[in-house]
Amino acid sequence: MKELYKPAIYWGIKMGILSILMFLIIYAIDPMFLGTTKGWIVNLSVSMLAVPIVFMILGARDTKKNLDHFTFGQAFNAAFFTAIVSAVIVLLFNLIFMTVIDPTWEEELYDEVVRSTATLMEDMGAPEESVDETVKQMKIQNEARIKGPLGALKNTGVGLLWYAFLALIVGAVQKSKKIENESID
């Protein structure tokens, strides 16, 4: 079993390392970029869609070479294992980053999110009372939000749910077509 999913583990390690490198480059250029609207869009499109999809496909594709028939379950597992390995690597990095490298970054980033949201609302012509109320609500939500290592763990769990959804799609695409045709006969 371990050898079967070895390619998925390999691509998961690559995905985790690439994710960390992308974050570090962005952080070196502008530590608050991810708190802006542009940063959020980049993070969503690259880190939550493009990178996971590409690496999950690679993990499933290379695992497929180890089997004569690649069932949906095996394809899903290969894609999801890729994501799990990456998520664990990134979680370990995040824990080190948040506790040793820059313990204040998380709070500063959230402050940037609040500022960016207020600016966006003002630019769109929202009334000042609406902007003030939104900022007030965001600050209340921030106080209730789980932060630090527990927050990172929670975010990883939520990320794994997203990855499971993507793995369902990758699994459906990567499964062997032979299985479907044999079932029909």
Protein backbone atom coordinates (compact mmCIF):
# COMPACT_ATOMS: atom_id res chain seq x y z
CA MET A 1 0.00 0.00 0.00
CA LYS A 2 2.82 2.40 0.90
CA GLU A 3 4.53 1.87 -2.46
CA LEU A 4 1.23 2.26 -4.31
CA TYR A 5 0.75 5.84 -3.11
CA LYS A 6 4.43 6.80 -3.11
CA PRO A 7 3.95 9.16 -6.11
CA ALA A 8 1.12 10.94 -4.27
CA ILE A 9 3.37 11.43 -1.26
CA TYR A 10 6.17 12.70 -3.52
CA TRP A 11 3.89 15.28 -5.17
CA GLY A 12 2.44 16.23 -1.78
CA ILE A 13 5.93 17.07 -0.52
CA LYS A 14 6.56 19.14 -3.66
CA MET A 15 3.20 20.91 -3.24
CA GLY A 16 3.95 21.73 0.39
CA ILE A 17 7.40 23.08 -0.39
CA LEU A 18 6.08 25.17 -3.29
CA SER A 19 3.29 26.57 -1.09
CA ILE A 20 5.81 27.61 1.56
CA LEU A 21 8.15 29.15 -1.01
CA MET A 22 5.30 31.13 -2.59
CA PHE A 23 4.28 32.42 0.85
CA LEU A 24 7.86 33.38 1.75
CA ILE A 25 8.34 35.27 -1.52
CA ILE A 26 5.09 37.18 -1.00
CA TYR A 27 5.99 37.80 2.65
CA ALA A 28 9.45 39.10 1.68
CA ILE A 29 7.99 41.50 -0.87
CA ASP A 30 5.03 42.69 1.24
CA PRO A 31 4.07 40.97 4.50
CA MET A 32 0.59 42.51 4.34
CA PHE A 33 -0.20 41.63 0.70
CA LEU A 34 -2.44 38.71 1.67
CA GLY A 35 -4.58 41.12 3.69
CA THR A 36 -5.51 43.14 0.62
CA THR A 37 -8.22 42.43 -1.93
CA LYS A 38 -5.60 41.63 -4.59
CA GLY A 39 -3.80 39.36 -2.15
CA TRP A 40 -7.01 37.52 -1.33
CA ILE A 41 -7.77 36.99 -5.02
CA VAL A 42 -4.23 35.75 -5.71
CA ASN A 43 -4.35 33.43 -2.70
CA LEU A 44 -7.73 32.04 -3.75
CA SER A 45 -6.83 31.46 -7.38
CA VAL A 46 -3.27 30.21 -6.92
CA SER A 47 -3.07 28.59 -3.47
CA MET A 48 -6.59 27.22 -3.24
CA LEU A 49 -7.23 26.27 -6.86
CA ALA A 50 -4.32 26.14 -9.32
CA VAL A 51 -1.56 24.64 -7.16
CA PRO A 52 -3.69 21.98 -5.42
CA ILE A 53 -5.42 20.92 -8.62
CA VAL A 54 -2.16 20.58 -10.56
CA PHE A 55 -0.37 18.65 -7.82
CA MET A 56 -3.35 16.44 -7.02
CA ILE A 57 -3.63 15.54 -10.70
CA LEU A 58 0.11 14.77 -10.81
CA GLY A 59 -0.14 12.64 -7.66
CA ALA A 60 -3.11 10.69 -9.02
CA ARG A 61 -1.63 10.38 -12.52
CA ASP A 62 1.65 8.95 -11.28
CA THR A 63 -0.09 6.64 -8.81
CA LYS A 64 -2.25 5.36 -11.68
CA LYS A 65 0.93 3.96 -13.31
CA ASN A 66 1.25 1.50 -10.39
CA LEU A 67 -2.08 -0.20 -11.17
CA ASP A 68 -3.77 -2.03 -14.02
CA HIS A 69 -7.15 -0.57 -13.08
CA PHE A 70 -7.44 2.74 -11.26
CA THR A 71 -10.75 2.91 -9.44
CA PHE A 72 -12.42 6.13 -8.39
CA GLY A 73 -11.54 5.34 -4.76
CA GLN A 74 -7.88 4.83 -5.56
CA ALA A 75 -7.79 8.00 -7.66
CA PHE A 76 -9.50 9.96 -4.87
CA ASN A 77 -7.09 8.54 -2.29
CA ALA A 78 -4.05 9.42 -4.41
CA ALA A 79 -5.24 12.99 -4.93
CA PHE A 80 -6.24 13.41 -1.29
CA PHE A 81 -2.99 11.89 0.02
CA THR A 82 -1.14 14.46 -2.06
CA ALA A 83 -3.12 17.21 -0.36
CA ILE A 84 -2.78 15.72 3.14
CA VAL A 85 1.00 15.49 2.87
CA SER A 86 1.16 19.09 1.67
CA ALA A 87 -1.22 20.28 4.40
CA VAL A 88 0.87 18.66 7.14
CA ILE A 89 4.08 20.23 5.82
CA VAL A 90 2.45 23.66 5.54
CA LEU A 91 0.88 23.30 9.01
CA LEU A 92 4.28 22.54 10.55
CA PHE A 93 5.75 25.56 8.76
CA ASN A 94 2.84 27.77 9.89
CA LEU A 95 3.30 26.72 13.51
CA ILE A 96 6.99 27.61 13.37
CA PHE A 97 6.27 30.85 11.51
CA MET A 98 3.55 31.97 13.92
CA THR A 99 5.40 31.09 17.11
CA VAL A 100 9.05 31.79 16.24
CA ILE A 101 9.57 33.78 13.03
CA ASP A 102 6.83 36.44 13.26
CA PRO A 103 4.37 35.98 16.14
CA THR A 104 2.68 39.35 15.46
CA TRP A 105 2.07 38.79 11.73
CA GLU A 106 -1.32 37.11 12.13
CA GLU A 107 -2.78 40.04 14.08
CA GLU A 108 -1.17 42.62 11.81
CA LEU A 109 -2.56 40.82 8.77
CA TYR A 110 -6.04 40.87 10.26
CA ASP A 111 -5.71 44.62 10.89
CA GLU A 112 -4.78 44.99 7.21
CA VAL A 113 -7.86 42.99 6.21
CA VAL A 114 -10.02 45.40 8.22
CA ARG A 115 -8.33 48.45 6.65
CA SER A 116 -8.56 46.97 3.17
CA THR A 117 -12.25 46.15 3.62
CA ALA A 118 -13.03 49.65 4.87
CA THR A 119 -11.14 51.21 1.94
CA LEU A 120 -12.94 48.98 -0.56
CA MET A 121 -16.32 49.88 0.93
CA GLU A 122 -15.47 53.60 0.84
CA ASP A 123 -14.27 53.33 -2.77
CA MET A 124 -17.57 51.69 -3.68
CA GLY A 125 -19.48 54.60 -2.11
CA ALA A 126 -20.76 52.87 1.02
CA PRO A 127 -22.10 55.25 3.69
CA GLU A 128 -19.70 56.01 6.54
CA GLU A 129 -22.08 54.43 9.09
CA SER A 130 -22.06 51.19 7.10
CA VAL A 131 -18.26 51.17 6.93
CA ASP A 132 -17.99 51.86 10.67
CA GLU A 133 -20.49 49.10 11.48
CA THR A 134 -18.64 46.59 9.26
CA VAL A 135 -15.31 47.46 10.90
CA LYS A 136 -16.89 47.10 14.35
CA GLN A 137 -18.34 43.68 13.44
CA MET A 138 -15.03 42.52 11.99
CA LYS A 139 -13.24 43.47 15.22
CA ILE A 140 -15.84 41.58 17.27
CA GLN A 141 -15.40 38.53 15.03
CA ASN A 142 -11.62 38.80 15.38
CA GLU A 143 -11.90 38.66 19.16
CA ALA A 144 -13.98 35.47 18.92
CA ARG A 145 -11.74 33.88 16.26
CA ILE A 146 -9.43 31.03 17.22
CA LYS A 147 -5.88 32.31 16.77
CA GLY A 148 -2.35 30.99 16.93
CA PRO A 149 -1.53 27.29 16.72
CA LEU A 150 -5.12 26.20 17.36
CA GLY A 151 -6.30 28.56 14.64
CA ALA A 152 -3.72 27.14 12.24
CA LEU A 153 -4.91 23.62 13.07
CA LYS A 154 -8.55 24.63 12.49
CA ASN A 155 -7.67 26.30 9.19
CA THR A 156 -5.82 23.15 8.10
CA GLY A 157 -8.93 21.10 8.87
CA VAL A 158 -11.08 23.44 6.80
CA GLY A 159 -8.48 23.32 4.03
CA LEU A 160 -8.59 19.51 4.07
CA LEU A 161 -12.35 19.64 3.52
CA TRP A 162 -11.73 21.82 0.46
CA TYR A 163 -9.01 19.44 -0.73
CA ALA A 164 -11.39 16.49 -0.29
CA PHE A 165 -13.84 18.24 -2.61
CA LEU A 166 -11.09 18.83 -5.18
CA ALA A 167 -9.94 15.20 -4.77
CA LEU A 168 -13.46 14.03 -5.65
CA ILE A 169 -13.22 15.90 -8.93
CA VAL A 170 -9.66 14.72 -9.63
CA GLY A 171 -10.64 11.14 -8.73
CA ALA A 172 -13.57 11.22 -11.13
CA VAL A 173 -11.35 12.46 -13.94
CA GLN A 174 -8.33 10.23 -13.23
CA LYS A 175 -10.09 6.87 -12.72
CA SER A 176 -9.54 4.23 -15.37
CA LYS A 177 -12.12 4.20 -18.12
CA LYS A 178 -11.80 0.39 -18.38
CA ILE A 179 -13.62 -0.05 -15.06
CA GLU A 180 -16.65 1.84 -16.37
CA ASN A 181 -16.76 -0.14 -19.63
CA GLU A 182 -16.40 -3.51 -17.88
CA SER A 183 -19.24 -2.61 -15.47
CA ILE A 184 -21.59 -1.90 -18.37
CA ASP A 185 -20.92 -5.25 -20.11
